[in-house]
Amino acid sequence: MNYEALRHFADSWGLLFMAGVFLTLIGWTFRPGAGRHHEAAADMIFDEDKKDV
């Protein structure tokens, strides 16, 4: 595969793939029910019952 073919592939299908990954990750973050997990992760530093010392 030469440089021109690789560049053409990256400009077309690579861009679509990266856009799909980006939209999937954004959708995964804002899915219903995810707020509970985000809140638990945010409060984790205040939990004194589970110290890894």
PDB file of N, CA and C in Angstrom:
ATOM      1  N   MET A   1       0.857  -1.173   0.000  1.00  0.00           N
ATOM      2  CA  MET A   1       0.000   0.000   0.000  1.00  0.00           C
ATOM      3  C   MET A   1       0.902   1.236   0.000  1.00  0.00           C
ATOM      4  N   ASN A   2       0.728   2.077  -0.977  1.00  0.00           N
ATOM      5  CA  ASN A   2       1.574   3.263  -1.046  1.00  0.00           C
ATOM      6  C   ASN A   2       0.962   4.414  -0.227  1.00  0.00           C
ATOM      7  N   TYR A   3       1.688   5.502  -0.167  1.00  0.00           N
ATOM      8  CA  TYR A   3       1.284   6.637   0.658  1.00  0.00           C
ATOM      9  C   TYR A   3      -0.039   7.239   0.193  1.00  0.00           C
ATOM     10  N   GLU A   4      -0.231   7.383  -1.095  1.00  0.00           N
ATOM     11  CA  GLU A   4      -1.450   8.004  -1.627  1.00  0.00           C
ATOM     12  C   GLU A   4      -2.689   7.170  -1.284  1.00  0.00           C
ATOM     13  N   ALA A   5      -2.594   5.866  -1.406  1.00  0.00           N
ATOM     14  CA  ALA A   5      -3.725   5.001  -1.084  1.00  0.00           C
ATOM     15  C   ALA A   5      -4.036   5.046   0.408  1.00  0.00           C
ATOM     16  N   LEU A   6      -2.997   5.032   1.229  1.00  0.00           N
ATOM     17  CA  LEU A   6      -3.187   5.111   2.667  1.00  0.00           C
ATOM     18  C   LEU A   6      -3.795   6.450   3.061  1.00  0.00           C
ATOM     19  N   ARG A   7      -3.345   7.504   2.430  1.00  0.00           N
ATOM     20  CA  ARG A   7      -3.883   8.839   2.711  1.00  0.00           C
ATOM     21  C   ARG A   7      -5.347   8.927   2.299  1.00  0.00           C
ATOM     22  N   HIS A   8      -5.701   8.383   1.171  1.00  0.00           N
ATOM     23  CA  HIS A   8      -7.089   8.384   0.712  1.00  0.00           C
ATOM     24  C   HIS A   8      -7.969   7.599   1.684  1.00  0.00           C
ATOM     25  N   PHE A   9      -7.499   6.438   2.133  1.00  0.00           N
ATOM     26  CA  PHE A   9      -8.247   5.635   3.095  1.00  0.00           C
ATOM     27  C   PHE A   9      -8.447   6.387   4.406  1.00  0.00           C
ATOM     28  N   ALA A  10      -7.401   7.025   4.909  1.00  0.00           N
ATOM     29  CA  ALA A  10      -7.487   7.752   6.171  1.00  0.00           C
ATOM     30  C   ALA A  10      -8.409   8.959   6.055  1.00  0.00           C
ATOM     31  N   ASP A  11      -8.406   9.615   4.907  1.00  0.00           N
ATOM     32  CA  ASP A  11      -9.254  10.792   4.725  1.00  0.00           C
ATOM     33  C   ASP A  11     -10.725  10.428   4.631  1.00  0.00           C
ATOM     34  N   SER A  12     -11.057   9.254   4.164  1.00  0.00           N
ATOM     35  CA  SER A  12     -12.459   8.896   3.999  1.00  0.00           C
ATOM     36  C   SER A  12     -12.940   7.955   5.099  1.00  0.00           C
ATOM     37  N   TRP A  13     -12.522   6.715   5.069  1.00  0.00           N
ATOM     38  CA  TRP A  13     -13.023   5.731   6.012  1.00  0.00           C
ATOM     39  C   TRP A  13     -12.458   5.917   7.416  1.00  0.00           C
ATOM     40  N   GLY A  14     -11.238   6.367   7.527  1.00  0.00           N
ATOM     41  CA  GLY A  14     -10.650   6.615   8.847  1.00  0.00           C
ATOM     42  C   GLY A  14     -11.399   7.706   9.585  1.00  0.00           C
ATOM     43  N   LEU A  15     -11.779   8.748   8.859  1.00  0.00           N
ATOM     44  CA  LEU A  15     -12.534   9.837   9.466  1.00  0.00           C
ATOM     45  C   LEU A  15     -13.907   9.353   9.923  1.00  0.00           C
ATOM     46  N   LEU A  16     -14.564   8.571   9.114  1.00  0.00           N
ATOM     47  CA  LEU A  16     -15.873   8.037   9.498  1.00  0.00           C
ATOM     48  C   LEU A  16     -15.764   7.105  10.703  1.00  0.00           C
ATOM     49  N   PHE A  17     -14.717   6.293  10.744  1.00  0.00           N
ATOM     50  CA  PHE A  17     -14.514   5.400  11.880  1.00  0.00           C
ATOM     51  C   PHE A  17     -14.291   6.194  13.168  1.00  0.00           C
ATOM     52  N   MET A  18     -13.431   7.193  13.122  1.00  0.00           N
ATOM     53  CA  MET A  18     -13.155   8.001  14.311  1.00  0.00           C
ATOM     54  C   MET A  18     -14.385   8.776  14.764  1.00  0.00           C
ATOM     55  N   ALA A  19     -15.179   9.275  13.823  1.00  0.00           N
ATOM     56  CA  ALA A  19     -16.422   9.968  14.177  1.00  0.00           C
ATOM     57  C   ALA A  19     -17.395   8.998  14.840  1.00  0.00           C
ATOM     58  N   GLY A  20     -17.462   7.772  14.341  1.00  0.00           N
ATOM     59  CA  GLY A  20     -18.324   6.762  14.951  1.00  0.00           C
ATOM     60  C   GLY A  20     -17.890   6.412  16.361  1.00  0.00           C
ATOM     61  N   VAL A  21     -16.592   6.271  16.573  1.00  0.00           N
ATOM     62  CA  VAL A  21     -16.074   5.988  17.919  1.00  0.00           C
ATOM     63  C   VAL A  21     -16.392   7.145  18.858  1.00  0.00           C
ATOM     64  N   PHE A  22     -16.195   8.372  18.385  1.00  0.00           N
ATOM     65  CA  PHE A  22     -16.469   9.547  19.210  1.00  0.00           C
ATOM     66  C   PHE A  22     -17.940   9.602  19.612  1.00  0.00           C
ATOM     67  N   LEU A  23     -18.838   9.422  18.658  1.00  0.00           N
ATOM     68  CA  LEU A  23     -20.267   9.486  18.956  1.00  0.00           C
ATOM     69  C   LEU A  23     -20.702   8.339  19.868  1.00  0.00           C
ATOM     70  N   THR A  24     -20.097   7.166  19.705  1.00  0.00           N
ATOM     71  CA  THR A  24     -20.402   6.041  20.581  1.00  0.00           C
ATOM     72  C   THR A  24     -19.986   6.335  22.017  1.00  0.00           C
ATOM     73  N   LEU A  25     -18.806   6.904  22.210  1.00  0.00           N
ATOM     74  CA  LEU A  25     -18.341   7.216  23.559  1.00  0.00           C
ATOM     75  C   LEU A  25     -19.173   8.314  24.207  1.00  0.00           C
ATOM     76  N   ILE A  26     -19.576   9.308  23.433  1.00  0.00           N
ATOM     77  CA  ILE A  26     -20.441  10.358  23.969  1.00  0.00           C
ATOM     78  C   ILE A  26     -21.789   9.767  24.357  1.00  0.00           C
ATOM     79  N   GLY A  27     -22.341   8.925  23.496  1.00  0.00           N
ATOM     80  CA  GLY A  27     -23.615   8.275  23.812  1.00  0.00           C
ATOM     81  C   GLY A  27     -23.519   7.380  25.033  1.00  0.00           C
ATOM     82  N   TRP A  28     -22.413   6.680  25.179  1.00  0.00           N
ATOM     83  CA  TRP A  28     -22.205   5.790  26.333  1.00  0.00           C
ATOM     84  C   TRP A  28     -22.159   6.598  27.629  1.00  0.00           C
ATOM     85  N   THR A  29     -21.560   7.780  27.584  1.00  0.00           N
ATOM     86  CA  THR A  29     -21.443   8.621  28.771  1.00  0.00           C
ATOM     87  C   THR A  29     -22.797   9.157  29.213  1.00  0.00           C
ATOM     88  N   PHE A  30     -23.635   9.545  28.272  1.00  0.00           N
ATOM     89  CA  PHE A  30     -24.916  10.169  28.601  1.00  0.00           C
ATOM     90  C   PHE A  30     -26.096   9.209  28.492  1.00  0.00           C
ATOM     91  N   ARG A  31     -25.849   7.904  28.551  1.00  0.00           N
ATOM     92  CA  ARG A  31     -26.938   6.938  28.466  1.00  0.00           C
ATOM     93  C   ARG A  31     -27.763   6.982  29.750  1.00  0.00           C
ATOM     94  N   PRO A  32     -29.036   6.570  29.667  1.00  0.00           N
ATOM     95  CA  PRO A  32     -29.862   6.536  30.874  1.00  0.00           C
ATOM     96  C   PRO A  32     -29.276   5.576  31.910  1.00  0.00           C
ATOM     97  N   GLY A  33     -29.232   6.009  33.137  1.00  0.00           N
ATOM     98  CA  GLY A  33     -28.698   5.174  34.205  1.00  0.00           C
ATOM     99  C   GLY A  33     -27.222   5.383  34.470  1.00  0.00           C
ATOM    100  N   ALA A  34     -26.529   6.123  33.622  1.00  0.00           N
ATOM    101  CA  ALA A  34     -25.095   6.331  33.820  1.00  0.00           C
ATOM    102  C   ALA A  34     -24.818   7.336  34.927  1.00  0.00           C
ATOM    103  N   GLY A  35     -25.773   8.187  35.213  1.00  0.00           N
ATOM    104  CA  GLY A  35     -25.576   9.201  36.254  1.00  0.00           C
ATOM    105  C   GLY A  35     -25.267   8.594  37.607  1.00  0.00           C
ATOM    106  N   ARG A  36     -25.869   7.447  37.884  1.00  0.00           N
ATOM    107  CA  ARG A  36     -25.616   6.756  39.153  1.00  0.00           C
ATOM    108  C   ARG A  36     -24.148   6.355  39.272  1.00  0.00           C
ATOM    109  N   HIS A  37     -23.585   5.852  38.177  1.00  0.00           N
ATOM    110  CA  HIS A  37     -22.176   5.445  38.178  1.00  0.00           C
ATOM    111  C   HIS A  37     -21.250   6.651  38.279  1.00  0.00           C
ATOM    112  N   HIS A  38     -21.602   7.736  37.596  1.00  0.00           N
ATOM    113  CA  HIS A  38     -20.779   8.942  37.657  1.00  0.00           C
ATOM    114  C   HIS A  38     -20.795   9.546  39.061  1.00  0.00           C
ATOM    115  N   GLU A  39     -21.959   9.528  39.685  1.00  0.00           N
ATOM    116  CA  GLU A  39     -22.055  10.062  41.039  1.00  0.00           C
ATOM    117  C   GLU A  39     -21.274   9.201  42.031  1.00  0.00           C
ATOM    118  N   ALA A  40     -21.316   7.888  41.860  1.00  0.00           N
ATOM    119  CA  ALA A  40     -20.558   6.996  42.740  1.00  0.00           C
ATOM    120  C   ALA A  40     -19.053   7.209  42.568  1.00  0.00           C
ATOM    121  N   ALA A  41     -18.617   7.437  41.337  1.00  0.00           N
ATOM    122  CA  ALA A  41     -17.191   7.688  41.095  1.00  0.00           C
ATOM    123  C   ALA A  41     -16.768   9.027  41.679  1.00  0.00           C
ATOM    124  N   ALA A  42     -17.652  10.019  41.612  1.00  0.00           N
ATOM    125  CA  ALA A  42     -17.318  11.338  42.157  1.00  0.00           C
ATOM    126  C   ALA A  42     -17.242  11.314  43.681  1.00  0.00           C
ATOM    127  N   ASP A  43     -18.074  10.496  44.316  1.00  0.00           N
ATOM    128  CA  ASP A  43     -18.087  10.424  45.781  1.00  0.00           C
ATOM    129  C   ASP A  43     -17.096   9.415  46.343  1.00  0.00           C
ATOM    130  N   MET A  44     -16.406   8.696  45.499  1.00  0.00           N
ATOM    131  CA  MET A  44     -15.504   7.638  45.933  1.00  0.00           C
ATOM    132  C   MET A  44     -14.358   8.162  46.814  1.00  0.00           C
ATOM    133  N   ILE A  45     -13.899   9.370  46.570  1.00  0.00           N
ATOM    134  CA  ILE A  45     -12.767   9.882  47.351  1.00  0.00           C
ATOM    135  C   ILE A  45     -13.166  10.220  48.782  1.00  0.00           C
ATOM    136  N   PHE A  46     -14.477  10.347  49.035  1.00  0.00           N
ATOM    137  CA  PHE A  46     -14.954  10.674  50.376  1.00  0.00           C
ATOM    138  C   PHE A  46     -15.316   9.435  51.179  1.00  0.00           C
ATOM    139  N   ASP A  47     -15.246   8.255  50.580  1.00  0.00           N
ATOM    140  CA  ASP A  47     -15.599   7.014  51.248  1.00  0.00           C
ATOM    141  C   ASP A  47     -14.418   6.543  52.096  1.00  0.00           C
ATOM    142  N   GLU A  48     -14.576   6.595  53.407  1.00  0.00           N
ATOM    143  CA  GLU A  48     -13.475   6.218  54.300  1.00  0.00           C
ATOM    144  C   GLU A  48     -13.539   4.755  54.718  1.00  0.00           C
ATOM    145  N   ASP A  49     -14.590   4.037  54.328  1.00  0.00           N
ATOM    146  CA  ASP A  49     -14.714   2.632  54.714  1.00  0.00           C
ATOM    147  C   ASP A  49     -13.804   1.719  53.899  1.00  0.00           C
ATOM    148  N   LYS A  50     -13.454   2.124  52.711  1.00  0.00           N
ATOM    149  CA  LYS A  50     -12.684   1.267  51.806  1.00  0.00           C
ATOM    150  C   LYS A  50     -11.334   1.908  51.490  1.00  0.00           C
ATOM    151  N   LYS A  51     -10.432   1.907  52.426  1.00  0.00           N
ATOM    152  CA  LYS A  51      -9.097   2.468  52.191  1.00  0.00           C
ATOM    153  C   LYS A  51      -8.139   1.370  51.771  1.00  0.00           C
ATOM    154  N   ASP A  52      -7.348   1.629  50.734  1.00  0.00           N
ATOM    155  CA  ASP A  52      -6.330   0.697  50.270  1.00  0.00           C
ATOM    156  C   ASP A  52      -4.977   1.105  50.818  1.00  0.00           C
ATOM    157  N   VAL A  53      -4.741   0.794  52.061  1.00  0.00           N
ATOM    158  CA  VAL A  53      -3.471   1.176  52.684  1.00  0.00           C
ATOM    159  C   VAL A  53      -2.671  -0.052  52.982  1.00  0.00           C
TER     160      VAL A  53
END
